[in-house]
């Protein structure tokens, strides 16, 4: 088993360890009683083999239960048991009979299970055949080869090999399923990480593109249309602000304080933002007495989206009949940017044009608001709505 197991594999190994440890402990007790109640050959060799085999098995069982040193102690028993089988004639003497199995017989498949916890699959398969065949060969050497003995030993050997094969297959299947589960989980995590990274890159690209589109483009339009010193100074101010925001694009989401802003202040800033883009735009304001302050980040998003809508009107509709209506009440904020230009079909706007998609709709949606576009031959209306209590 690998030193660094993954989640499902480690759980499967613990389950197998507890189950096999419990079974090995029960069979070990059975073997102990069989040794104590069976015929006695050479007491010195018999006691030495009993202590060696059951002692190493006990170490393996403890390791399986605590989940530490499993490979080492299972490997110890997997090596000790075949050696004990080879030395068994020294302990058995002439006490071996056909009718009674020696206590080692109970532990034949424990040796195979020990190999399953300490060896690769090829070694496990070898041990599944080696231990039963070795045990049978030693038993035949003690009993002598006769027809009845040969049949009896052959049946025991086949039974032990079949049981060992089943145990190996069950362990292999469970480990394979656990490995595939872990691989699937790791693949899903990698896919999610890649998707999250791609999404972050795309969001950053849209943020930069939107910033370039609305702030920088608005500054350029203002500079192009500037005829008076005041308008030129305003264009310079807009360009400076755009460059500052471009430099801080990574922090734009949290730019500025989030303290609530009163509706009257919002209306004043809206008028300022609008007239920066187009000085002749008409701005109307309606504030209900029960209107509540709005978080700063929401205000910034709404003002930037409105400025982009005004910029679109100036650029594509020549600011024909341009007016901005601001309303604040207990439910939230409602802003309308209206012009009387030729209009357009929103569904036919190219994917790479971000003025509406990113700078207005996505920006407003980011603060839990909604932006709508209604355009036909008679003009265009862009609605920007934020409901604080929705």
Protein backbone atom coordinates (compact mmCIF):
# COMPACT_ATOMS: atom_id res chain seq x y z
CA UNK A 1 0.00 0.00 0.00
CA UNK A 2 1.18 3.52 -0.80
CA UNK A 3 2.54 5.60 2.03
CA UNK A 4 0.27 8.52 1.13
CA UNK A 5 -3.22 7.14 0.77
CA UNK A 6 -6.08 9.25 -0.38
CA UNK A 7 -9.38 9.76 1.41
CA UNK A 8 -11.48 6.78 0.23
CA UNK A 9 -8.51 4.45 0.04
CA UNK A 10 -7.49 5.19 3.62
CA UNK A 11 -11.05 4.53 4.79
CA UNK A 12 -11.19 1.23 2.91
CA UNK A 13 -7.85 0.17 4.37
CA UNK A 14 -9.11 0.91 7.89
CA UNK A 15 -12.29 -1.10 7.29
CA UNK A 16 -10.33 -4.03 5.85
CA UNK A 17 -7.87 -3.80 8.72
CA UNK A 18 -10.56 -3.98 11.40
CA UNK A 19 -12.46 -6.81 9.68
CA UNK A 20 -9.35 -8.88 8.95
CA UNK A 21 -7.92 -8.14 12.40
CA UNK A 22 -11.11 -9.36 14.08
CA UNK A 23 -11.22 -12.52 11.97
CA UNK A 24 -7.53 -13.23 12.50
CA UNK A 25 -7.90 -12.82 16.25
CA UNK A 26 -10.79 -15.31 16.38
CA UNK A 27 -8.95 -17.84 14.21
CA UNK A 28 -5.78 -17.33 16.26
CA UNK A 29 -7.66 -18.23 19.45
CA UNK A 30 -9.06 -21.29 17.68
CA UNK A 31 -5.54 -22.31 16.63
CA UNK A 32 -4.29 -21.81 20.21
CA UNK A 33 -6.96 -24.11 21.64
CA UNK A 34 -6.21 -26.62 18.88
CA UNK A 35 -2.52 -26.59 19.78
CA UNK A 36 -3.19 -26.97 23.51
CA UNK A 37 -5.71 -29.76 23.01
CA UNK A 38 -3.92 -31.62 20.23
CA UNK A 39 -1.34 -34.38 20.34
CA UNK A 40 2.10 -33.39 21.64
CA UNK A 41 5.19 -34.21 19.62
CA UNK A 42 8.43 -32.49 20.47
CA UNK A 43 7.43 -30.01 23.24
CA UNK A 44 10.39 -27.68 22.66
CA UNK A 45 9.84 -27.28 18.91
CA UNK A 46 6.08 -27.28 19.40
CA UNK A 47 6.25 -24.46 21.96
CA UNK A 48 8.78 -22.49 19.91
CA UNK A 49 6.66 -22.67 16.75
CA UNK A 50 3.48 -21.84 18.69
CA UNK A 51 5.07 -18.74 20.23
CA UNK A 52 6.67 -17.69 16.94
CA UNK A 53 3.53 -18.07 14.81
CA UNK A 54 0.90 -16.82 17.25
CA UNK A 55 3.20 -14.06 18.51
CA UNK A 56 3.73 -12.69 15.01
CA UNK A 57 0.02 -13.04 14.32
CA UNK A 58 -0.78 -11.10 17.49
CA UNK A 59 1.52 -8.28 16.37
CA UNK A 60 -0.24 -8.21 12.99
CA UNK A 61 -3.70 -8.12 14.62
CA UNK A 62 -2.71 -5.23 16.89
CA UNK A 63 -1.25 -3.35 13.91
CA UNK A 64 -4.47 -3.90 11.93
CA UNK A 65 -6.61 -2.57 14.77
CA UNK A 66 -4.55 0.55 15.42
CA UNK A 67 -3.74 1.17 11.76
CA UNK A 68 0.02 1.54 12.36
CA UNK A 69 2.83 -0.69 11.08
CA UNK A 70 0.38 -2.90 9.18
CA UNK A 71 2.67 -3.57 6.23
CA UNK A 72 5.66 -4.44 8.40
CA UNK A 73 3.90 -6.81 10.81
CA UNK A 74 1.72 -8.38 8.11
CA UNK A 75 4.88 -8.98 6.10
CA UNK A 76 6.48 -10.54 9.19
CA UNK A 77 3.66 -13.05 9.60
CA UNK A 78 3.57 -13.74 5.83
CA UNK A 79 7.23 -14.82 6.06
CA UNK A 80 7.10 -16.52 9.48
CA UNK A 81 4.17 -18.79 8.66
CA UNK A 82 5.72 -20.61 5.64
CA UNK A 83 8.92 -21.06 7.65
CA UNK A 84 6.87 -22.54 10.52
CA UNK A 85 5.18 -24.92 8.07
CA UNK A 86 8.57 -26.11 6.84
CA UNK A 87 9.72 -26.66 10.44
CA UNK A 88 6.50 -28.37 11.50
CA UNK A 89 7.86 -31.95 11.06
CA UNK A 90 10.38 -31.22 13.85
CA UNK A 91 7.53 -30.45 16.25
CA UNK A 92 4.98 -33.02 15.08
CA UNK A 93 7.10 -36.13 15.27
CA UNK A 94 4.95 -39.21 14.70
CA UNK A 95 1.75 -37.71 16.12
CA UNK A 96 0.28 -36.67 12.74
CA UNK A 97 -2.93 -38.44 11.72
CA UNK A 98 -5.23 -38.14 8.70
CA UNK A 99 -8.33 -37.54 10.79
CA UNK A 100 -6.99 -34.59 12.77
CA UNK A 101 -5.60 -31.38 11.27
CA UNK A 102 -2.71 -29.70 13.12
CA UNK A 103 -3.30 -26.23 14.52
CA UNK A 104 -1.32 -24.68 11.66
CA UNK A 105 -4.18 -25.57 9.31
CA UNK A 106 -6.40 -22.90 10.85
CA UNK A 107 -3.86 -20.21 9.91
CA UNK A 108 -3.22 -21.17 6.27
CA UNK A 109 -5.46 -18.42 4.87
CA UNK A 110 -4.29 -15.92 7.49
CA UNK A 111 -0.91 -16.18 5.79
CA UNK A 112 -2.55 -15.26 2.48
CA UNK A 113 -4.37 -12.33 4.07
CA UNK A 114 -1.07 -11.14 5.57
CA UNK A 115 0.38 -11.14 2.07
CA UNK A 116 -2.57 -9.03 0.87
CA UNK A 117 -1.58 -6.33 3.37
CA UNK A 118 2.16 -6.44 2.72
CA UNK A 119 2.76 -7.45 -0.92
CA UNK A 120 1.78 -6.25 -4.39
CA UNK A 121 -0.90 -8.18 -6.27
CA UNK A 122 1.59 -10.55 -7.95
CA UNK A 123 3.04 -11.51 -4.56
CA UNK A 124 -0.45 -12.05 -3.15
CA UNK A 125 -1.29 -14.47 -5.97
CA UNK A 126 1.96 -16.39 -5.42
CA UNK A 127 1.27 -16.66 -1.67
CA UNK A 128 -2.33 -17.81 -2.34
CA UNK A 129 -0.90 -20.90 -4.05
CA UNK A 130 2.41 -21.24 -2.22
CA UNK A 131 1.15 -21.59 1.36
CA UNK A 132 -1.60 -24.22 0.71
CA UNK A 133 0.72 -26.25 -1.55
CA UNK A 134 3.59 -26.00 0.93
CA UNK A 135 1.32 -27.08 3.78
CA UNK A 136 -0.01 -30.00 1.74
CA UNK A 137 3.50 -31.11 0.77
CA UNK A 138 4.65 -31.13 4.40
CA UNK A 139 1.53 -32.99 5.48
CA UNK A 140 2.02 -35.64 2.78
CA UNK A 141 5.62 -36.05 3.90
CA UNK A 142 4.38 -36.81 7.42
CA UNK A 143 1.45 -39.06 6.49
CA UNK A 144 2.92 -40.83 3.50
CA UNK A 145 1.39 -40.87 0.03
CA UNK A 146 -1.58 -43.21 -0.22
CA UNK A 147 -4.78 -42.94 -2.22
CA UNK A 148 -6.99 -41.86 0.67
CA UNK A 149 -4.42 -39.45 2.07
CA UNK A 150 -3.75 -37.92 -1.34
CA UNK A 151 -7.46 -37.27 -1.95
CA UNK A 152 -7.94 -35.79 1.52
CA UNK A 153 -4.93 -33.47 1.25
CA UNK A 154 -5.82 -32.47 -2.34
CA UNK A 155 -9.32 -31.42 -1.26
CA UNK A 156 -7.88 -29.37 1.60
CA UNK A 157 -5.42 -27.72 -0.79
CA UNK A 158 -8.08 -26.83 -3.36
CA UNK A 159 -10.35 -25.43 -0.65
CA UNK A 160 -7.54 -23.29 0.79
CA UNK A 161 -6.55 -21.97 -2.67
CA UNK A 162 -10.16 -21.08 -3.57
CA UNK A 163 -10.72 -19.27 -0.27
CA UNK A 164 -7.41 -17.42 -0.62
CA UNK A 165 -8.33 -16.37 -4.18
CA UNK A 166 -11.70 -15.04 -3.01
CA UNK A 167 -10.05 -13.02 -0.25
CA UNK A 168 -7.52 -11.53 -2.68
CA UNK A 169 -10.20 -10.67 -5.26
CA UNK A 170 -12.42 -9.00 -2.65
CA UNK A 171 -9.52 -6.90 -1.39
CA UNK A 172 -8.43 -5.98 -4.92
CA UNK A 173 -11.96 -4.97 -5.97
CA UNK A 174 -12.51 -2.79 -2.90
CA UNK A 175 -9.13 -1.09 -3.29
CA UNK A 176 -9.68 -0.53 -7.01
CA UNK A 177 -13.09 1.03 -6.41
CA UNK A 178 -11.62 3.27 -3.70
CA UNK A 179 -8.78 4.35 -6.00
CA UNK A 180 -11.22 5.18 -8.81
CA UNK A 181 -13.42 7.12 -6.42
CA UNK A 182 -10.43 9.17 -5.27
CA UNK A 183 -9.31 9.73 -8.85
CA UNK A 184 -12.81 10.88 -9.77
CA UNK A 185 -12.90 13.24 -6.79
CA UNK A 186 -9.47 14.66 -7.64
CA UNK A 187 -10.51 15.07 -11.27
CA UNK A 188 -13.66 16.93 -10.22
CA UNK A 189 -11.63 19.20 -7.93
CA UNK A 190 -9.12 19.89 -10.70
CA UNK A 191 -11.93 20.64 -13.16
CA UNK A 192 -13.59 22.96 -10.66
CA UNK A 193 -10.29 24.74 -9.98
CA UNK A 194 -9.67 25.18 -13.70
CA UNK A 195 -13.21 26.44 -14.24
CA UNK A 196 -12.88 28.84 -11.30
CA UNK A 197 -9.56 30.10 -12.65
CA UNK A 198 -11.03 30.55 -16.13
CA UNK A 199 -14.04 32.34 -14.64
CA UNK A 200 -11.77 34.65 -12.65
CA UNK A 201 -9.75 35.45 -15.78
CA UNK A 202 -12.92 36.12 -17.75
CA UNK A 203 -14.30 38.37 -15.02
CA UNK A 204 -11.06 40.30 -14.92
CA UNK A 205 -11.08 40.63 -18.71
CA UNK A 206 -14.66 41.88 -18.67
CA UNK A 207 -13.88 44.30 -15.83
CA UNK A 208 -10.89 45.75 -17.66
CA UNK A 209 -12.76 45.85 -20.96
CA UNK A 210 -15.75 47.52 -19.34
CA UNK A 211 -13.52 50.06 -17.65
CA UNK A 212 -11.72 50.80 -20.91
CA UNK A 213 -15.05 51.03 -22.69
CA UNK A 214 -16.93 53.37 -20.39
CA UNK A 215 -14.44 55.45 -18.38
CA UNK A 216 -11.70 55.82 -20.98
CA UNK A 217 -14.10 56.12 -23.90
CA UNK A 218 -16.18 58.71 -22.07
CA UNK A 219 -13.04 60.75 -21.41
CA UNK A 220 -12.07 60.56 -25.07
CA UNK A 221 -15.53 61.63 -26.21
CA UNK A 222 -15.47 64.55 -23.76
CA UNK A 223 -12.03 65.57 -25.01
CA UNK A 224 -13.18 65.41 -28.62
CA UNK A 225 -16.22 67.59 -27.96
CA UNK A 226 -14.44 70.08 -25.66
CA UNK A 227 -14.63 73.59 -27.13
CA UNK A 228 -14.30 75.82 -24.06
CA UNK A 229 -11.65 75.91 -21.31
CA UNK A 230 -14.17 74.59 -18.82
CA UNK A 231 -15.00 71.60 -21.04
CA UNK A 232 -11.31 70.91 -21.63
CA UNK A 233 -10.65 70.97 -17.88
CA UNK A 234 -13.57 68.61 -17.39
CA UNK A 235 -12.17 66.25 -20.04
CA UNK A 236 -8.77 66.27 -18.33
CA UNK A 237 -10.44 65.48 -14.99
CA UNK A 238 -12.34 62.60 -16.55
CA UNK A 239 -9.16 61.22 -18.16
CA UNK A 240 -7.30 61.43 -14.84
CA UNK A 241 -10.11 59.58 -13.07
CA UNK A 242 -10.20 56.93 -15.79
CA UNK A 243 -6.46 56.32 -15.54
CA UNK A 244 -6.66 56.08 -11.76
CA UNK A 245 -9.45 53.52 -11.93
CA UNK A 246 -7.57 51.58 -14.60
CA UNK A 247 -4.52 51.41 -12.34
CA UNK A 248 -6.72 50.17 -9.47
CA UNK A 249 -8.84 47.78 -11.50
CA UNK A 250 -7.94 44.81 -9.26
CA UNK A 251 -9.51 46.62 -6.31
CA UNK A 252 -12.44 48.24 -8.07
CA UNK A 253 -15.01 46.00 -6.43
CA UNK A 254 -14.16 47.47 -3.06
CA UNK A 255 -13.09 50.94 -4.21
CA UNK A 256 -14.33 53.69 -1.93
CA UNK A 257 -16.33 53.47 1.30
CA UNK A 258 -19.51 51.45 1.59
CA UNK A 259 -21.21 53.88 3.95
CA UNK A 260 -24.86 54.59 3.03
CA UNK A 261 -25.43 57.64 0.84
CA UNK A 262 -28.57 59.76 1.07
CA UNK A 263 -30.85 59.88 -2.00
CA UNK A 264 -30.33 63.63 -2.39
CA UNK A 265 -26.56 63.14 -2.60
CA UNK A 266 -27.07 60.35 -5.13
CA UNK A 267 -29.20 62.64 -7.27
CA UNK A 268 -26.56 65.38 -7.13
CA UNK A 269 -23.77 62.97 -8.10
CA UNK A 270 -25.95 61.57 -10.88
CA UNK A 271 -26.44 65.05 -12.33
CA UNK A 272 -22.70 65.71 -12.10
CA UNK A 273 -21.78 62.39 -13.77
CA UNK A 274 -24.36 62.94 -16.50
CA UNK A 275 -23.31 66.48 -17.33
CA UNK A 276 -19.68 65.45 -17.42
CA UNK A 277 -20.54 63.28 -20.38
CA UNK A 278 -23.10 65.63 -21.96
CA UNK A 279 -23.59 69.09 -20.52
CA UNK A 280 -26.95 69.62 -22.22
CA UNK A 281 -28.59 66.47 -20.86
CA UNK A 282 -31.78 67.07 -18.88
CA UNK A 283 -31.85 65.54 -15.41
CA UNK A 284 -35.05 65.25 -13.40
CA UNK A 285 -35.20 64.14 -9.78
CA UNK A 286 -38.01 62.73 -7.66
CA UNK A 287 -37.26 61.74 -4.09
CA UNK A 288 -39.93 60.32 -1.82
CA UNK A 289 -39.86 61.33 1.87
CA UNK A 290 -39.55 57.68 2.91
CA UNK A 291 -36.56 57.01 0.63
CA UNK A 292 -33.68 55.41 2.49
CA UNK A 293 -29.88 55.74 2.09
CA UNK A 294 -28.18 53.32 -0.31
CA UNK A 295 -24.84 51.49 0.25
CA UNK A 296 -21.87 53.23 -1.34
CA UNK A 297 -20.86 50.30 -3.55
CA UNK A 298 -24.39 50.15 -4.97
CA UNK A 299 -24.39 53.87 -5.66
CA UNK A 300 -21.07 53.65 -7.49
CA UNK A 301 -22.31 50.81 -9.68
CA UNK A 302 -25.56 52.62 -10.52
CA UNK A 303 -23.78 55.89 -11.32
CA UNK A 304 -21.21 54.17 -13.55
CA UNK A 305 -23.95 52.24 -15.37
CA UNK A 306 -25.91 55.48 -15.88
CA UNK A 307 -22.84 57.27 -17.17
CA UNK A 308 -22.29 54.46 -19.67
CA UNK A 309 -25.91 54.67 -20.81
CA UNK A 310 -25.50 58.41 -21.34
CA UNK A 311 -22.23 57.80 -23.20
CA UNK A 312 -23.98 55.30 -25.48
CA UNK A 313 -26.69 57.85 -26.22
CA UNK A 314 -24.14 60.53 -27.05
CA UNK A 315 -22.07 58.22 -29.22
CA UNK A 316 -24.80 56.32 -31.08
CA UNK A 317 -27.85 58.63 -30.94
CA UNK A 318 -26.17 62.01 -30.98
CA UNK A 319 -27.76 62.74 -27.57
CA UNK A 320 -31.06 63.50 -29.34
CA UNK A 321 -33.65 64.38 -26.69
CA UNK A 322 -31.35 62.96 -24.00
CA UNK A 323 -32.78 63.07 -20.51
CA UNK A 324 -32.16 61.21 -17.28
CA UNK A 325 -34.92 60.61 -14.73
CA UNK A 326 -33.99 59.70 -11.16
CA UNK A 327 -36.51 58.42 -8.63
CA UNK A 328 -35.88 57.27 -5.05
CA UNK A 329 -38.53 55.85 -2.74
CA UNK A 330 -38.91 53.36 0.07
CA UNK A 331 -38.39 50.44 -2.28
CA UNK A 332 -35.10 51.62 -3.78
CA UNK A 333 -33.69 53.46 -6.79
CA UNK A 334 -35.12 53.78 -10.31
CA UNK A 335 -33.09 55.52 -13.05
CA UNK A 336 -34.20 56.01 -16.66
CA UNK A 337 -31.89 57.17 -19.48
CA UNK A 338 -34.03 58.18 -22.46
CA UNK A 339 -33.15 59.50 -25.91
CA UNK A 340 -34.97 59.99 -29.19
CA UNK A 341 -32.35 58.51 -31.46
CA UNK A 342 -32.85 55.89 -34.20
CA UNK A 343 -32.69 53.00 -31.74
CA UNK A 344 -31.15 49.55 -32.24
CA UNK A 345 -31.81 45.82 -31.78
CA UNK A 346 -30.16 44.74 -28.54
CA UNK A 347 -30.11 41.05 -29.53
CA UNK A 348 -28.00 41.83 -32.59
CA UNK A 349 -25.23 43.63 -30.72
CA UNK A 350 -21.92 41.77 -31.20
CA UNK A 351 -20.61 39.69 -28.27
CA UNK A 352 -17.45 41.77 -28.00
CA UNK A 353 -19.34 45.04 -27.57
CA UNK A 354 -19.38 45.51 -23.80
CA UNK A 355 -21.10 48.88 -23.42
CA UNK A 356 -24.45 47.37 -22.55
CA UNK A 357 -23.61 43.81 -21.50
CA UNK A 358 -20.72 44.49 -19.13
CA UNK A 359 -20.78 48.19 -18.30
CA UNK A 360 -24.52 48.38 -17.66
CA UNK A 361 -26.34 45.04 -17.29
CA UNK A 362 -23.53 43.04 -15.63
CA UNK A 363 -22.46 45.95 -13.42
CA UNK A 364 -25.99 46.51 -12.11
CA UNK A 365 -26.58 42.77 -11.66
CA UNK A 366 -23.41 42.59 -9.55
CA UNK A 367 -25.12 44.71 -6.88
CA UNK A 368 -28.41 42.75 -7.10
CA UNK A 369 -30.09 45.25 -9.39
CA UNK A 370 -31.65 44.92 -12.84
CA UNK A 371 -31.03 46.78 -16.07
CA UNK A 372 -33.36 46.70 -19.06
CA UNK A 373 -33.05 48.03 -22.61
CA UNK A 374 -36.10 49.07 -24.63
CA UNK A 375 -35.21 50.38 -28.07
CA UNK A 376 -37.07 50.98 -31.33
CA UNK A 377 -37.16 53.50 -34.16
CA UNK A 378 -38.58 56.21 -31.88
CA UNK A 379 -35.76 56.06 -29.36
CA UNK A 380 -34.11 54.09 -26.56
CA UNK A 381 -34.89 53.77 -22.87
CA UNK A 382 -32.44 52.12 -20.48
CA UNK A 383 -33.91 51.31 -17.07
CA UNK A 384 -31.65 50.81 -14.05
CA UNK A 385 -33.46 49.57 -10.95
CA UNK A 386 -32.20 48.59 -7.49
CA UNK A 387 -34.59 47.40 -4.81
CA UNK A 388 -32.99 47.48 -1.41
CA UNK A 389 -35.66 45.36 0.33
CA UNK A 390 -36.25 42.77 -2.41
